[in-house]
Protein backbone atom coordinates (compact mmCIF):
# COMPACT_ATOMS: atom_id res chain seq x y z
CA MET A 1 0.00 -0.01 0.00
CA ALA A 2 1.57 3.27 -1.09
CA PHE A 3 1.16 6.43 0.93
CA THR A 4 0.17 9.48 -0.99
CA THR A 5 0.21 12.93 0.41
CA SER A 6 -1.42 16.00 -1.02
CA LYS A 7 0.70 19.07 -1.02
CA ASP A 8 -1.94 21.67 -0.20
CA THR A 9 -4.97 20.67 1.86
CA SER A 10 -7.32 23.18 3.45
CA ALA A 11 -6.38 22.02 6.94
CA ASN A 12 -2.70 22.60 6.28
CA ALA A 13 -3.31 25.91 4.69
CA GLN A 14 -5.30 27.07 7.75
CA LYS A 15 -2.55 26.00 10.10
CA GLU A 16 0.08 27.86 8.14
CA SER A 17 -1.98 30.98 7.85
CA TRP A 18 -2.65 30.89 11.60
CA HIS A 19 1.00 30.61 12.51
CA ALA A 20 2.25 33.16 9.99
CA PRO A 21 1.34 36.30 11.93
CA LEU A 22 3.08 35.01 15.04
CA ASN A 23 6.45 35.02 13.28
CA LYS A 24 6.33 38.66 12.16
CA PRO A 25 7.58 41.46 14.42
CA THR A 26 4.98 44.09 15.12
CA SER A 27 5.58 47.72 15.94
CA LEU A 28 4.54 47.08 19.54
CA SER A 29 7.09 44.32 19.97
CA LYS A 30 9.83 46.50 18.47
CA ILE A 31 8.93 49.38 20.81
CA THR A 32 8.79 47.00 23.80
CA ALA A 33 12.18 45.54 22.93
CA ALA A 34 13.73 48.97 22.59
CA VAL A 35 12.32 50.14 25.91
CA VAL A 36 13.58 46.98 27.69
CA VAL A 37 17.05 47.29 26.13
CA ILE A 38 17.35 50.95 27.13
CA VAL A 39 15.68 50.91 30.55
CA LEU A 40 16.93 47.60 31.99
CA PRO A 41 20.67 48.60 32.24
CA PHE A 42 19.75 51.86 33.97
CA PHE A 43 17.52 50.00 36.38
CA GLY A 44 20.25 47.47 37.08
CA PHE A 45 22.78 50.23 37.68
CA PHE A 46 20.39 51.92 40.12
CA LEU A 47 19.86 48.66 41.99
CA GLY A 48 23.61 48.07 42.07
CA VAL A 49 24.28 51.54 43.48
CA GLN A 50 21.58 51.05 46.15
CA TYR A 51 23.00 47.59 47.07
CA ALA A 52 26.55 48.95 47.21
CA GLY A 53 25.45 51.71 49.55
CA ALA A 54 23.66 49.31 51.82
CA VAL A 55 26.58 46.90 51.96
CA THR A 56 29.07 49.65 52.53
CA GLY A 57 26.93 51.04 55.36
CA LEU A 58 26.83 47.63 56.97
CA LEU A 59 30.57 47.08 56.60
CA GLN A 60 31.49 50.46 58.14
CA GLY A 61 30.06 49.29 61.46
CA PHE A 62 32.68 46.53 61.76
């Protein structure tokens, strides 16, 4: 018994068309990525400065 496959069925076409928009970057995703890339290092620096100040304050008591 030979297996035959059809190249384009309506079920396969629907699956491909459903997944296609998920692979394309939108303007919202680009803006979100830009904000994260710009804001996250500044936030990390701020937390690092706060942590260093707290640790230095604790160590000065010894």
